[in-house]
Amino acid sequence: MAQKSLLERILDWLYPNRCGVCHRFCDDAICQDCKNNWSLIVPPYCLWCGRPFDPRSKASPLCGMCLQGRYKFDYARSVVIYEGVGRETVHAFKFNRKPRLAQPMGELMAEVMKRALDRDNGLLPSPRQLPSMLVPVPLHPKTQRFRGYNQAALLAEVIGQILDIPVETKILVQSRPMKPQATLGERERWENVKGAFEVAKPELVRGQIVVVVDDVMTTGATLNECAKALKRAGARQVYCLTFARTISI
């Protein structure tokens, strides 16, 4: 590893790194205490959408939403429950201009995806084939200019580098502005995203296995609409991967 220049050492002394979540001094984007307080999603969970089950219940291997067949994506997995430090991490990353958090978040997402691709029940068809590409959920250009970056794209880049899967940021586009999903109830969320996404280059997804990447899954409405657009363009399978998962709305 190359040694830091004198200027870099001075800047480190004047502006030492802080945890992007709790703001305590640390060498990384997030401190170990905050990472330890992420509520990781572990089995049992819905085999289709990854929604955690109460371990005391004797439920179907599918949740209520998936039993209704509402989702158009083939499978979804998430890393942490959207509560406590997990929620604070997403907010810091998304709204407080902490793009460095993409690295530790994406690293854990890559681990979960690798486990899913290796041995999680039902995630890959037989014979097994790796995904062709990672596609981040797009932002409307106006929103991205205001925020300065697309958080889903940053996560996808980290995952793609670790798993050696190409990231395609120009394939899926948001064709019209939407209201922020966080301000809406469940039914409004589904209405808000209808027809909001288009595939700009359908020839690139035709017959391919695509993984849609985002920061949070709440109702699944956004991921579902992205999957519908990709399936209309000819994608063979659409999987979804998010950092956090909301358990209730």
Protein backbone atom coordinates (compact mmCIF):
# COMPACT_ATOMS: atom_id res chain seq x y z
CA MET A 1 0.00 0.00 0.00
CA ALA A 2 1.39 3.42 -0.98
CA GLN A 3 2.32 5.75 1.84
CA LYS A 4 0.22 8.87 2.28
CA SER A 5 1.68 12.19 1.25
CA LEU A 6 2.43 14.89 3.82
CA LEU A 7 -0.67 16.81 2.69
CA GLU A 8 -2.85 13.72 3.11
CA ARG A 9 -1.47 13.11 6.60
CA ILE A 10 -2.13 16.73 7.56
CA LEU A 11 -5.70 16.51 6.25
CA ASP A 12 -6.22 13.27 8.18
CA TRP A 13 -5.04 15.03 11.32
CA LEU A 14 -7.23 18.10 10.72
CA TYR A 15 -10.26 16.14 9.53
CA PRO A 16 -10.13 12.63 11.01
CA ASN A 17 -12.54 10.00 9.72
CA ARG A 18 -15.81 9.59 11.57
CA CYS A 19 -18.42 6.89 11.46
CA GLY A 20 -21.06 7.86 8.91
CA VAL A 21 -23.81 6.80 11.31
CA CYS A 22 -22.86 7.66 14.92
CA HIS A 23 -20.10 10.20 14.02
CA ARG A 24 -17.55 8.75 16.42
CA PHE A 25 -13.93 8.72 15.25
CA CYS A 26 -13.03 5.58 13.32
CA ASP A 27 -10.89 4.55 10.36
CA ASP A 28 -13.73 3.18 8.25
CA ALA A 29 -16.98 4.47 6.76
CA ILE A 30 -18.87 2.93 9.68
CA CYS A 31 -17.65 1.86 13.09
CA GLN A 32 -17.72 -1.74 14.26
CA ASP A 33 -20.24 -0.96 17.01
CA CYS A 34 -22.77 0.31 14.47
CA LYS A 35 -22.19 -2.69 12.19
CA ASN A 36 -22.67 -5.01 15.16
CA ASN A 37 -26.05 -3.39 15.78
CA TRP A 38 -27.42 -4.15 12.33
CA SER A 39 -30.31 -6.63 12.76
CA LEU A 40 -29.34 -9.26 10.20
CA ILE A 41 -32.10 -11.17 8.41
CA VAL A 42 -31.73 -14.89 9.07
CA PRO A 43 -34.01 -17.88 8.37
CA PRO A 44 -36.84 -18.58 8.58
CA TYR A 45 -37.98 -16.23 5.84
CA CYS A 46 -40.24 -16.35 2.81
CA LEU A 47 -38.51 -18.34 0.08
CA TRP A 48 -39.85 -15.98 -2.58
CA CYS A 49 -39.45 -12.42 -1.26
CA GLY A 50 -37.19 -13.03 1.76
CA ARG A 51 -39.59 -11.55 4.31
CA PRO A 52 -38.62 -12.79 7.79
CA PHE A 53 -41.05 -15.05 9.64
CA ASP A 54 -41.65 -15.29 13.36
CA PRO A 55 -39.44 -18.30 14.24
CA ARG A 56 -42.15 -19.52 16.65
CA SER A 57 -44.77 -19.75 13.92
CA LYS A 58 -45.39 -22.74 11.69
CA ALA A 59 -46.11 -20.75 8.56
CA SER A 60 -46.08 -21.61 4.90
CA PRO A 61 -42.67 -21.28 3.21
CA LEU A 62 -44.24 -18.27 1.47
CA CYS A 63 -45.59 -15.08 3.06
CA GLY A 64 -49.13 -13.82 2.46
CA MET A 65 -48.12 -11.49 -0.38
CA CYS A 66 -46.30 -14.26 -2.20
CA LEU A 67 -49.12 -16.75 -1.68
CA GLN A 68 -51.28 -14.27 -3.61
CA GLY A 69 -48.70 -14.26 -6.43
CA ARG A 70 -48.57 -10.48 -6.44
CA TYR A 71 -44.87 -10.07 -7.21
CA LYS A 72 -43.54 -10.24 -10.76
CA PHE A 73 -39.90 -10.65 -9.73
CA ASP A 74 -38.73 -14.21 -9.27
CA TYR A 75 -36.97 -13.90 -5.89
CA ALA A 76 -35.80 -11.18 -3.50
CA ARG A 77 -33.32 -11.11 -0.65
CA SER A 78 -32.37 -8.40 1.87
CA VAL A 79 -29.56 -8.10 4.41
CA VAL A 80 -30.83 -6.25 7.50
CA ILE A 81 -34.15 -5.31 9.06
CA TYR A 82 -35.01 -1.65 8.51
CA GLU A 83 -34.95 -0.62 12.15
CA GLY A 84 -32.55 0.91 14.66
CA VAL A 85 -29.01 1.31 13.35
CA GLY A 86 -29.96 -0.34 10.05
CA ARG A 87 -32.48 2.41 9.43
CA GLU A 88 -30.03 5.10 10.56
CA THR A 89 -27.42 3.69 8.16
CA VAL A 90 -29.78 3.92 5.20
CA HIS A 91 -30.81 7.48 6.12
CA ALA A 92 -27.19 8.62 6.48
CA PHE A 93 -26.29 7.01 3.16
CA LYS A 94 -29.33 8.26 1.29
CA PHE A 95 -30.11 11.68 2.74
CA ASN A 96 -27.03 12.88 4.65
CA ARG A 97 -24.52 12.60 1.79
CA LYS A 98 -22.51 9.67 3.14
CA PRO A 99 -21.69 7.78 -0.08
CA ARG A 100 -18.74 6.02 1.62
CA LEU A 101 -21.29 3.84 3.42
CA ALA A 102 -21.89 2.06 0.10
CA GLN A 103 -18.73 0.02 0.66
CA PRO A 104 -19.63 -1.77 3.92
CA MET A 105 -23.30 -2.02 2.92
CA GLY A 106 -22.45 -3.44 -0.50
CA GLU A 107 -19.92 -5.89 0.95
CA LEU A 108 -22.58 -7.45 3.15
CA MET A 109 -25.08 -7.48 0.28
CA ALA A 110 -22.51 -9.33 -1.84
CA GLU A 111 -22.12 -11.95 0.91
CA VAL A 112 -25.88 -12.51 1.08
CA MET A 113 -26.16 -12.71 -2.69
CA LYS A 114 -23.29 -15.18 -2.93
CA ARG A 115 -24.90 -17.43 -0.29
CA ALA A 116 -28.21 -17.21 -2.12
CA LEU A 117 -26.65 -18.09 -5.45
CA ASP A 118 -24.66 -20.95 -3.92
CA ARG A 119 -27.24 -22.75 -1.83
CA ASP A 120 -30.38 -20.79 -0.94
CA ASN A 121 -33.48 -22.78 -1.87
CA GLY A 122 -34.92 -21.99 -5.24
CA LEU A 123 -32.99 -18.88 -6.15
CA LEU A 124 -31.44 -20.24 -9.33
CA PRO A 125 -33.09 -22.35 -11.99
CA SER A 126 -31.61 -25.71 -12.91
CA PRO A 127 -29.10 -25.97 -14.47
CA ARG A 128 -27.69 -23.10 -12.42
CA GLN A 129 -26.63 -19.93 -14.21
CA LEU A 130 -25.14 -16.82 -12.69
CA PRO A 131 -26.87 -13.47 -13.25
CA SER A 132 -25.88 -11.62 -16.39
CA MET A 133 -25.95 -8.15 -14.84
CA LEU A 134 -26.81 -5.97 -11.86
CA VAL A 135 -29.29 -3.16 -12.56
CA PRO A 136 -29.75 -0.46 -9.91
CA VAL A 137 -33.19 1.05 -9.40
CA PRO A 138 -32.93 4.36 -11.25
CA LEU A 139 -33.68 7.80 -9.89
CA HIS A 140 -35.40 10.51 -11.88
CA PRO A 141 -32.64 12.83 -13.24
CA LYS A 142 -33.96 15.73 -11.16
CA THR A 143 -33.77 13.68 -7.95
CA GLN A 144 -30.28 12.43 -8.76
CA ARG A 145 -29.01 15.96 -9.45
CA PHE A 146 -30.36 17.09 -6.08
CA ARG A 147 -28.93 14.13 -4.16
CA GLY A 148 -25.63 14.05 -6.07
CA TYR A 149 -25.62 10.27 -6.62
CA ASN A 150 -27.86 7.26 -7.02
CA GLN A 151 -27.46 5.22 -3.84
CA ALA A 152 -28.62 2.01 -5.56
CA ALA A 153 -25.96 2.44 -8.26
CA LEU A 154 -23.20 2.85 -5.64
CA LEU A 155 -24.30 -0.36 -3.92
CA ALA A 156 -24.44 -2.20 -7.23
CA GLU A 157 -20.89 -1.12 -8.10
CA VAL A 158 -19.53 -2.56 -4.85
CA ILE A 159 -21.43 -5.83 -5.31
CA GLY A 160 -20.40 -6.09 -8.94
CA GLN A 161 -16.72 -5.62 -8.15
CA ILE A 162 -16.81 -8.31 -5.46
CA LEU A 163 -18.79 -10.90 -7.44
CA ASP A 164 -17.44 -9.96 -10.88
CA ILE A 165 -20.88 -9.24 -12.34
CA PRO A 166 -21.33 -6.32 -14.78
CA VAL A 167 -23.33 -3.31 -13.58
CA GLU A 168 -25.64 -1.68 -16.12
CA THR A 169 -26.85 1.79 -15.12
CA LYS A 170 -28.32 2.87 -18.46
CA ILE A 171 -30.72 0.00 -19.12
CA LEU A 172 -33.53 0.79 -16.69
CA VAL A 173 -34.77 4.40 -16.55
CA GLN A 174 -37.35 6.24 -14.49
CA SER A 175 -39.54 7.80 -17.13
CA ARG A 176 -41.50 10.20 -14.94
CA PRO A 177 -41.18 11.86 -11.51
CA MET A 178 -42.75 10.06 -8.56
CA LYS A 179 -43.74 11.14 -5.09
CA PRO A 180 -41.29 9.91 -2.42
CA GLN A 181 -42.44 6.41 -1.51
CA ALA A 182 -41.62 7.01 2.17
CA THR A 183 -44.43 9.60 2.37
CA LEU A 184 -47.13 7.21 1.13
CA GLY A 185 -49.26 4.40 2.50
CA GLU A 186 -49.21 0.88 1.10
CA ARG A 187 -51.93 1.28 -1.54
CA GLU A 188 -50.56 4.68 -2.61
CA ARG A 189 -47.10 3.19 -3.07
CA TRP A 190 -48.37 0.69 -5.61
CA GLU A 191 -50.23 3.42 -7.51
CA ASN A 192 -47.29 5.82 -7.37
CA VAL A 193 -44.90 3.53 -9.25
CA LYS A 194 -47.27 2.27 -11.96
CA GLY A 195 -45.64 2.75 -15.37
CA ALA A 196 -42.75 4.73 -13.87
CA PHE A 197 -39.93 2.58 -15.30
CA GLU A 198 -38.87 1.71 -18.83
CA VAL A 199 -36.10 -0.37 -20.37
CA ALA A 200 -33.98 1.82 -22.65
CA LYS A 201 -32.04 -1.07 -24.20
CA PRO A 202 -34.29 -4.15 -24.33
CA GLU A 203 -31.86 -6.03 -26.56
CA LEU A 204 -29.39 -6.17 -23.64
CA VAL A 205 -31.80 -7.88 -21.23
CA ARG A 206 -33.61 -10.22 -23.61
CA GLY A 207 -33.17 -13.78 -22.34
CA GLN A 208 -30.92 -12.67 -19.47
CA ILE A 209 -30.96 -13.15 -15.68
CA VAL A 210 -31.05 -9.68 -14.10
CA VAL A 211 -30.57 -8.65 -10.46
CA VAL A 212 -32.27 -5.37 -9.48
CA VAL A 213 -30.42 -3.60 -6.65
CA ASP A 214 -31.89 -1.04 -4.23
CA ASP A 215 -31.33 0.22 -0.69
CA VAL A 216 -34.68 -0.68 0.95
CA MET A 217 -37.61 -2.96 0.25
CA THR A 218 -40.84 -1.92 1.97
CA THR A 219 -43.94 -3.12 0.13
CA GLY A 220 -41.89 -4.29 -2.85
CA ALA A 221 -43.89 -2.02 -5.18
CA THR A 222 -40.84 -0.32 -6.71
CA LEU A 223 -38.94 -3.57 -7.24
CA ASN A 224 -42.06 -5.18 -8.65
CA GLU A 225 -42.54 -2.38 -11.18
CA CYS A 226 -38.89 -2.62 -12.24
CA ALA A 227 -39.30 -6.38 -12.67
CA LYS A 228 -42.41 -5.88 -14.80
CA ALA A 229 -40.54 -3.53 -17.12
CA LEU A 230 -37.60 -5.93 -17.42
CA LYS A 231 -39.87 -8.92 -18.04
CA ARG A 232 -41.74 -7.00 -20.75
CA ALA A 233 -38.35 -6.34 -22.37
CA GLY A 234 -37.66 -10.08 -22.42
CA ALA A 235 -35.62 -10.74 -19.26
CA ARG A 236 -35.76 -14.44 -18.42
CA GLN A 237 -35.40 -14.10 -14.63
CA VAL A 238 -35.44 -11.02 -12.39
CA TYR A 239 -34.05 -11.23 -8.86
CA CYS A 240 -34.00 -8.37 -6.35
CA LEU A 241 -31.39 -7.53 -3.72
CA THR A 242 -31.68 -4.76 -1.11
CA PHE A 243 -29.68 -3.75 1.91
CA ALA A 244 -32.67 -3.33 4.23
CA ARG A 245 -36.18 -4.75 4.52
CA THR A 246 -39.11 -3.11 6.26
CA ILE A 247 -41.13 -5.65 8.20
CA SER A 248 -44.30 -3.60 8.56
CA ILE A 249 -45.64 -0.36 7.06
